[in-house]
Amino acid sequence: MAASRIKLLIWFIILTLLIGCVPAIPRPTPIPPLDPNAVNLFMGQTADAASAQTLAAMPPSTPTATFTPTPRNTFTPEPSFTPISTFVIPSPTPVVNIIYYRVKHDDQMADQGYKSRAYDGNSQDVRDQTPETVPLFVLPKLGSGTARTKVDGAWEIYLEFLNNNDEGKLRYLKSDGTALFNTAGFPQLQSLTMGGNIVRLDLVQNGWGRVVTMEYGGPPNAEEVNYFTRPDLVHKFVVTGWKRSTKTTILVNPPKGDLYWPIVTRRRVWIQMDRVEPFPILPMDITAKSDLYIQTTPGPTIEKTKFQLLTGQSATIVQYYPTGSNVWGMLQSGGWIPLFLYPTYFTSWSMETIPPPP
């Protein structure tokens, strides 16, 4: 019995020693109240980060003009709205510095004697008219020749859609005597353009510019790429004549009406720099000649908005949007205004070379 008591005493002593070795648990520290300013700062930083990520992920958008076979852009003055001195209109188009060039007409060229190529000094008031062609050479030198590009299959379908599948127009356009398929015949498209049309250049050297053309791999969607959305890639047929009574060059549409064709070549092509006039360099300060509505998209028509650039007011143009025979300009403060709606200039912005007649 005594031995059992001794064993119990020993176990009690061991348990007491073990309890004494366990570290004490610290008392919890009170959590301080949240600082509302810190919460707002954190939320603001999170929102800013999310906004930046969203903007980075968003693809740039480009306005698309309406494709109509016979556009008629008219400008009718509307009642004025009270302008706001400081405003920013978000623009759907990112600022991209693209340099456009317009192909000069016969009456701007010394080698034409500043006359239409149709001029022959006869007694007729208006001589027979002729396409105002400008060759695109395969090398940056005279005499290098033009290129031929076969536009059958999908390209023929594209060409026909550009001309609204009008049988009379297509018969005229594809004939051997109307410049585009001269001598070789359809579908061998000659590398050329016509006066007044727009080109872009990706290289300029020694008085020559290399023309940006469509990729020959396959045509684009004609509803998205046409004369009214990309006049640098789809050109309009231009006919020139000489009016003897006034000694002036006249520009007219061909007998069948508006005709269009794609600027597509299988080879690189070049144009002489003295045959083109560059658009005025941007940014450019302009002054309004009349009250102009400022709209969120560059046309295709004038929209009545609550913002205006009033007559005599100045602004800075930072981007162009050519559409058909017209040109719109994006303001540095945001929004678009018409710079040229054929045949009228609405601001101090102007060019010597006029577009093809609409």
Protein backbone atom coordinates (compact mmCIF):
# COMPACT_ATOMS: atom_id res chain seq x y z
CA MET A 1 0.00 0.00 0.00
CA ALA A 2 2.85 2.33 0.90
CA ALA A 3 4.53 1.53 -2.41
CA SER A 4 1.44 2.62 -4.34
CA ARG A 5 1.34 5.98 -2.52
CA ILE A 6 5.02 6.55 -3.32
CA LYS A 7 4.42 5.90 -7.09
CA LEU A 8 1.44 8.26 -7.13
CA LEU A 9 3.54 10.98 -5.48
CA ILE A 10 6.30 10.55 -8.06
CA TRP A 11 3.83 10.93 -11.01
CA PHE A 12 2.34 14.03 -9.42
CA ILE A 13 5.77 15.63 -9.12
CA ILE A 14 6.57 14.83 -12.80
CA LEU A 15 3.23 16.33 -14.01
CA THR A 16 3.90 19.48 -11.97
CA LEU A 17 7.33 19.91 -13.59
CA LEU A 18 5.92 19.43 -17.12
CA ILE A 19 3.22 22.08 -16.62
CA GLY A 20 5.84 24.52 -15.42
CA CYS A 21 7.81 24.12 -18.67
CA VAL A 22 4.89 25.08 -21.03
CA PRO A 23 5.27 28.78 -22.29
CA ALA A 24 2.54 31.21 -21.36
CA ILE A 25 0.02 32.23 -24.12
CA PRO A 26 0.21 36.04 -24.72
CA ARG A 27 -2.89 38.16 -24.32
CA PRO A 28 -4.37 39.18 -27.72
CA THR A 29 -3.49 42.69 -28.89
CA PRO A 30 -6.59 44.84 -29.61
CA ILE A 31 -7.13 45.62 -33.38
CA PRO A 32 -7.02 49.39 -33.97
CA PRO A 33 -10.02 50.97 -35.70
CA LEU A 34 -9.75 51.25 -39.55
CA ASP A 35 -8.69 54.61 -40.99
CA PRO A 36 -11.42 55.60 -43.50
CA ASN A 37 -8.88 57.63 -45.52
CA ALA A 38 -6.64 54.58 -45.86
CA VAL A 39 -9.60 52.54 -47.06
CA ASN A 40 -10.47 55.16 -49.67
CA LEU A 41 -6.85 55.31 -50.84
CA PHE A 42 -6.70 51.54 -51.23
CA MET A 43 -9.97 51.49 -53.17
CA GLY A 44 -8.74 54.29 -55.42
CA GLN A 45 -5.47 52.48 -56.14
CA THR A 46 -7.36 49.29 -56.92
CA ALA A 47 -9.73 51.12 -59.28
CA ASP A 48 -6.84 52.86 -61.03
CA ALA A 49 -5.05 49.56 -61.55
CA ALA A 50 -8.18 47.91 -62.89
CA SER A 51 -8.84 50.85 -65.20
CA ALA A 52 -5.30 50.71 -66.58
CA GLN A 53 -5.60 46.97 -67.21
CA THR A 54 -8.95 47.45 -68.94
CA LEU A 55 -7.63 50.17 -71.23
CA ALA A 56 -4.60 48.08 -72.10
CA ALA A 57 -6.81 45.16 -73.03
CA MET A 58 -9.23 47.19 -75.17
CA PRO A 59 -8.49 47.07 -78.91
CA PRO A 60 -8.45 50.44 -80.69
CA SER A 61 -11.57 51.10 -82.70
CA THR A 62 -11.92 52.87 -86.01
CA PRO A 63 -15.10 54.52 -87.23
CA THR A 64 -16.56 53.02 -90.37
CA ALA A 65 -18.25 55.28 -92.88
CA THR A 66 -21.45 54.12 -94.53
CA PHE A 67 -20.90 52.58 -97.96
CA THR A 68 -23.37 54.03 -100.43
CA PRO A 69 -23.09 53.82 -104.21
CA THR A 70 -23.80 57.49 -104.88
CA PRO A 71 -22.95 59.58 -101.78
CA ARG A 72 -24.29 63.07 -101.50
CA ASN A 73 -22.73 65.00 -98.64
CA THR A 74 -24.53 68.28 -98.07
CA PHE A 75 -23.93 70.99 -95.54
CA THR A 76 -26.96 72.90 -94.30
CA PRO A 77 -26.43 75.55 -91.61
CA GLU A 78 -28.34 74.73 -88.44
CA PRO A 79 -29.43 76.97 -85.52
CA SER A 80 -26.43 77.65 -83.28
CA PHE A 81 -26.06 76.13 -79.83
CA THR A 82 -24.35 77.97 -77.00
CA PRO A 83 -20.75 76.73 -77.04
CA ILE A 84 -18.97 75.53 -73.90
CA SER A 85 -15.56 77.12 -73.52
CA THR A 86 -13.79 74.02 -72.24
CA PHE A 87 -14.84 70.54 -73.24
CA VAL A 88 -13.45 67.17 -74.21
CA ILE A 89 -15.38 64.83 -76.48
CA PRO A 90 -14.12 61.25 -76.37
CA SER A 91 -13.07 60.10 -79.82
CA PRO A 92 -13.54 56.52 -81.02
CA THR A 93 -10.35 56.70 -83.07
CA PRO A 94 -6.85 56.65 -81.54
CA VAL A 95 -4.47 59.36 -82.75
CA VAL A 96 -2.32 57.85 -85.48
CA ASN A 97 0.05 60.04 -87.45
CA ILE A 98 -0.55 58.89 -91.04
CA ILE A 99 0.76 61.02 -93.89
CA TYR A 100 -1.55 61.11 -96.89
CA TYR A 101 -0.72 62.40 -100.36
CA ARG A 102 -3.11 63.49 -103.09
CA VAL A 103 -2.18 62.80 -106.72
CA LYS A 104 -1.87 66.04 -108.69
CA HIS A 105 -3.98 66.88 -111.73
CA ASP A 106 -2.77 67.68 -115.23
CA ASP A 107 -3.17 71.43 -114.75
CA GLN A 108 -0.68 71.31 -111.85
CA MET A 109 2.08 69.67 -113.89
CA ALA A 110 4.67 71.56 -115.90
CA ASP A 111 5.24 68.57 -118.20
CA GLN A 112 1.59 68.83 -119.20
CA GLY A 113 1.95 72.52 -119.89
CA TYR A 114 -0.49 73.07 -117.01
CA LYS A 115 -3.27 71.89 -119.32
CA SER A 116 -5.38 68.78 -119.64
CA ARG A 117 -3.71 66.04 -121.69
CA ALA A 118 -6.81 66.29 -123.87
CA TYR A 119 -5.77 69.79 -125.02
CA ASP A 120 -4.75 70.01 -128.67
CA GLY A 121 -5.45 73.64 -129.55
CA ASN A 122 -8.31 72.90 -131.89
CA SER A 123 -11.40 75.02 -132.27
CA GLN A 124 -13.63 72.76 -130.24
CA ASP A 125 -14.85 74.23 -126.96
CA VAL A 126 -14.42 70.98 -125.04
CA ARG A 127 -12.19 68.34 -126.56
CA ASP A 128 -12.85 64.63 -126.19
CA GLN A 129 -12.22 63.58 -122.63
CA THR A 130 -9.66 61.03 -121.47
CA PRO A 131 -8.79 59.20 -118.21
CA GLU A 132 -6.35 61.22 -116.10
CA THR A 133 -3.95 58.33 -115.52
CA VAL A 134 -0.73 58.47 -113.49
CA PRO A 135 1.58 55.42 -113.81
CA LEU A 136 2.95 53.52 -110.81
CA PHE A 137 6.39 52.19 -111.78
CA VAL A 138 7.98 48.93 -110.61
CA LEU A 139 11.27 50.70 -109.86
CA PRO A 140 11.98 54.25 -108.66
CA LYS A 141 13.02 55.48 -112.09
CA LEU A 142 11.39 56.54 -115.32
CA GLY A 143 11.19 53.91 -118.01
CA SER A 144 11.10 51.00 -115.55
CA GLY A 145 7.56 50.20 -116.65
CA THR A 146 4.36 49.40 -114.82
CA ALA A 147 3.15 46.09 -113.40
CA ARG A 148 0.24 43.83 -114.31
CA THR A 149 -1.84 42.16 -111.59
CA LYS A 150 -4.42 39.49 -112.35
CA VAL A 151 -7.74 40.39 -110.72
CA ASP A 152 -9.90 37.40 -111.43
CA GLY A 153 -11.71 35.10 -108.99
CA ALA A 154 -12.30 36.74 -105.61
CA TRP A 155 -10.71 39.96 -106.83
CA GLU A 156 -13.19 40.21 -109.70
CA ILE A 157 -16.06 39.71 -107.25
CA TYR A 158 -14.58 42.49 -105.08
CA LEU A 159 -14.23 44.80 -108.09
CA GLU A 160 -17.82 44.14 -109.11
CA PHE A 161 -19.13 44.80 -105.60
CA LEU A 162 -17.25 48.13 -105.46
CA ASN A 163 -19.25 49.12 -108.54
CA ASN A 164 -22.57 47.81 -107.22
CA ASN A 165 -22.55 44.95 -109.76
CA ASP A 166 -23.72 47.43 -112.38
CA GLU A 167 -23.39 45.67 -115.73
CA GLY A 168 -22.92 48.85 -117.77
CA LYS A 169 -20.26 50.23 -115.45
CA LEU A 170 -18.37 46.94 -115.33
CA ARG A 171 -18.44 46.55 -119.09
CA TYR A 172 -16.94 50.03 -119.44
CA LEU A 173 -14.43 49.51 -116.60
CA LYS A 174 -13.17 46.14 -117.89
CA SER A 175 -12.88 47.16 -121.53
CA ASP A 176 -9.49 47.37 -123.23
CA GLY A 177 -9.90 51.07 -123.98
CA THR A 178 -10.48 52.57 -120.53
CA ALA A 179 -6.92 52.61 -119.14
CA LEU A 180 -7.09 50.07 -116.29
CA PHE A 181 -6.86 47.03 -118.59
CA ASN A 182 -5.46 48.81 -121.63
CA THR A 183 -3.67 46.60 -124.23
CA ALA A 184 -3.47 43.46 -122.06
CA GLY A 185 -7.20 43.30 -121.38
CA PHE A 186 -9.14 42.08 -118.37
CA PRO A 187 -8.19 40.68 -115.83
CA GLN A 188 -4.64 42.10 -116.16
CA LEU A 189 -4.93 45.28 -114.05
CA GLN A 190 -2.34 47.93 -114.84
CA SER A 191 -0.49 49.62 -111.95
CA LEU A 192 -1.75 53.17 -112.15
CA THR A 193 -3.86 55.73 -110.37
CA MET A 194 -5.68 58.87 -111.46
CA GLY A 195 -5.51 62.54 -110.50
CA GLY A 196 -7.06 63.63 -107.22
CA ASN A 197 -6.90 60.22 -105.53
CA ILE A 198 -5.11 59.59 -102.22
CA VAL A 199 -2.01 57.47 -101.74
CA ARG A 200 0.11 56.55 -98.74
CA LEU A 201 3.85 56.00 -98.98
CA ASP A 202 5.98 53.72 -96.81
CA LEU A 203 9.33 54.87 -98.24
CA VAL A 204 10.59 58.04 -99.90
CA GLN A 205 13.95 58.20 -101.63
CA ASN A 206 15.57 60.21 -104.41
CA GLY A 207 12.39 61.94 -105.47
CA TRP A 208 10.28 58.75 -105.48
CA GLY A 209 7.73 57.34 -103.05
CA ARG A 210 6.82 53.66 -102.59
CA VAL A 211 3.04 53.30 -102.64
CA VAL A 212 1.16 51.31 -100.00
CA THR A 213 -1.14 48.89 -101.80
CA MET A 214 -3.46 46.03 -100.83
CA GLU A 215 -1.94 42.62 -100.16
CA TYR A 216 -2.49 40.42 -103.20
CA GLY A 217 -3.28 37.33 -101.10
CA GLY A 218 -6.99 38.07 -101.12
CA PRO A 219 -9.41 41.01 -101.24
CA PRO A 220 -10.92 42.55 -98.10
CA ASN A 221 -14.61 42.89 -97.32
CA ALA A 222 -15.96 45.51 -99.75
CA GLU A 223 -18.41 46.80 -97.14
CA GLU A 224 -15.45 47.59 -94.87
CA VAL A 225 -12.83 48.66 -97.42
CA ASN A 226 -14.18 50.89 -100.16
CA TYR A 227 -13.75 54.41 -101.50
CA PHE A 228 -15.66 55.90 -98.57
CA THR A 229 -13.74 54.11 -95.80
CA ARG A 230 -10.28 53.72 -97.38
CA PRO A 231 -9.80 56.10 -100.32
CA ASP A 232 -6.07 55.37 -100.11
CA LEU A 233 -6.70 51.73 -101.12
CA VAL A 234 -9.75 52.08 -103.39
CA HIS A 235 -9.47 54.76 -106.06
CA LYS A 236 -12.02 56.53 -108.19
CA PHE A 237 -11.95 56.78 -111.98
CA VAL A 238 -11.29 60.38 -113.09
CA VAL A 239 -11.78 61.82 -116.57
CA THR A 240 -10.16 65.08 -117.65
CA GLY A 241 -10.94 67.45 -120.48
CA TRP A 242 -9.95 70.91 -121.71
CA LYS A 243 -12.46 73.76 -121.92
CA ARG A 244 -11.05 76.07 -124.58
CA SER A 245 -13.39 78.99 -123.95
CA THR A 246 -12.10 79.40 -120.39
CA LYS A 247 -8.71 77.73 -120.96
CA THR A 248 -9.24 75.47 -118.00
CA THR A 249 -9.00 71.78 -117.25
CA ILE A 250 -12.29 70.15 -116.35
CA LEU A 251 -12.78 67.01 -114.28
CA VAL A 252 -15.81 64.81 -114.83
CA ASN A 253 -17.02 61.33 -114.06
CA PRO A 254 -16.81 58.80 -116.91
CA PRO A 255 -19.88 58.27 -119.12
CA LYS A 256 -21.23 55.42 -116.99
CA GLY A 257 -20.94 57.34 -113.70
CA ASP A 258 -18.88 56.61 -110.58
CA LEU A 259 -16.29 53.86 -111.11
CA TYR A 260 -13.93 52.37 -108.50
CA TRP A 261 -11.06 49.89 -108.48
CA PRO A 262 -8.66 48.48 -105.84
CA ILE A 263 -5.05 49.61 -105.60
CA VAL A 264 -3.56 46.11 -105.57
CA THR A 265 -0.26 45.02 -107.12
CA ARG A 266 1.78 41.85 -107.08
CA ARG A 267 4.98 43.92 -107.06
CA ARG A 268 6.09 47.01 -105.21
CA VAL A 269 5.27 50.18 -107.14
CA TRP A 270 6.57 53.73 -107.01
CA ILE A 271 5.30 57.21 -107.83
CA GLN A 272 7.24 60.39 -108.57
CA MET A 273 7.11 62.79 -105.63
CA ASP A 274 6.48 65.75 -107.93
CA ARG A 275 3.19 64.03 -108.89
CA VAL A 276 1.77 64.16 -105.36
CA GLU A 277 0.87 66.84 -102.81
CA PRO A 278 1.19 65.90 -99.11
CA PHE A 279 -1.61 66.71 -96.70
CA PRO A 280 -0.59 69.60 -94.39
CA ILE A 281 1.65 68.38 -91.57
CA LEU A 282 -0.06 67.75 -88.22
CA PRO A 283 -0.61 69.04 -85.63
CA MET A 284 -1.95 72.13 -87.39
CA ASP A 285 -3.81 75.17 -86.10
CA ILE A 286 -6.91 76.03 -88.12
CA THR A 287 -9.60 78.74 -87.99
CA ALA A 288 -13.27 78.04 -88.69
CA LYS A 289 -14.83 79.85 -91.67
CA SER A 290 -18.34 78.99 -90.48
CA ASP A 291 -20.00 77.53 -87.40
CA LEU A 292 -19.09 73.84 -87.25
CA TYR A 293 -20.64 71.11 -85.13
CA ILE A 294 -18.13 69.00 -83.24
CA GLN A 295 -19.12 65.34 -83.36
CA THR A 296 -17.82 62.09 -81.91
CA THR A 297 -17.30 60.39 -85.29
CA PRO A 298 -15.82 61.64 -88.58
CA GLY A 299 -18.97 61.63 -90.65
CA PRO A 300 -20.09 60.37 -92.99
CA THR A 301 -22.66 63.15 -92.45
CA ILE A 302 -22.83 66.25 -90.28
CA GLU A 303 -24.52 65.66 -86.93
CA LYS A 304 -26.14 68.42 -84.89
CA THR A 305 -24.42 68.31 -81.47
CA LYS A 306 -24.27 70.59 -78.43
CA PHE A 307 -20.65 71.55 -79.15
CA GLN A 308 -19.54 73.94 -81.86
CA LEU A 309 -16.44 75.59 -83.23
CA LEU A 310 -17.76 79.04 -84.08
CA THR A 311 -16.78 81.22 -87.00
CA GLY A 312 -13.38 82.79 -86.35
CA GLN A 313 -12.48 80.42 -83.51
CA SER A 314 -9.21 78.49 -83.73
CA ALA A 315 -8.39 74.90 -82.83
CA THR A 316 -5.65 72.34 -83.41
CA ILE A 317 -6.09 69.38 -85.77
CA VAL A 318 -4.16 66.25 -84.76
CA GLN A 319 -5.51 63.57 -87.11
CA TYR A 320 -7.12 63.14 -90.54
CA TYR A 321 -9.94 60.88 -91.64
CA PRO A 322 -10.40 60.98 -95.43
CA THR A 323 -13.67 59.45 -96.62
CA GLY A 324 -14.48 59.39 -100.30
CA SER A 325 -13.82 62.88 -101.69
CA ASN A 326 -14.14 64.48 -98.23
CA VAL A 327 -11.74 65.01 -95.32
CA TRP A 328 -12.47 65.26 -91.57
CA GLY A 329 -10.11 66.44 -88.86
CA MET A 330 -9.88 65.42 -85.21
CA LEU A 331 -9.43 68.25 -82.69
CA GLN A 332 -6.74 68.10 -80.04
CA SER A 333 -9.46 68.65 -77.42
CA GLY A 334 -11.48 65.75 -78.85
CA GLY A 335 -14.17 65.38 -81.47
CA TRP A 336 -14.25 65.74 -85.26
CA ILE A 337 -15.07 68.57 -87.66
CA PRO A 338 -15.37 68.62 -91.46
CA LEU A 339 -12.33 70.13 -93.13
CA PHE A 340 -13.52 69.59 -96.69
CA LEU A 341 -16.89 68.43 -97.99
CA TYR A 342 -16.70 68.59 -101.76
CA PRO A 343 -16.32 71.28 -103.01
CA THR A 344 -16.17 73.43 -99.85
CA TYR A 345 -13.38 74.09 -97.33
CA PHE A 346 -14.84 74.93 -93.91
CA THR A 347 -11.65 76.08 -92.17
CA SER A 348 -8.33 77.67 -93.06
CA TRP A 349 -7.12 74.15 -93.88
CA SER A 350 -6.79 73.68 -97.64
CA MET A 351 -4.87 71.95 -100.40
CA GLU A 352 -4.05 72.90 -103.97
CA THR A 353 -5.07 69.48 -105.31
CA ILE A 354 -8.80 68.80 -105.31
CA PRO A 355 -10.25 65.28 -104.91
CA PRO A 356 -12.14 63.43 -107.65
CA PRO A 357 -15.62 64.85 -108.16
CA PRO A 358 -18.22 62.99 -106.07
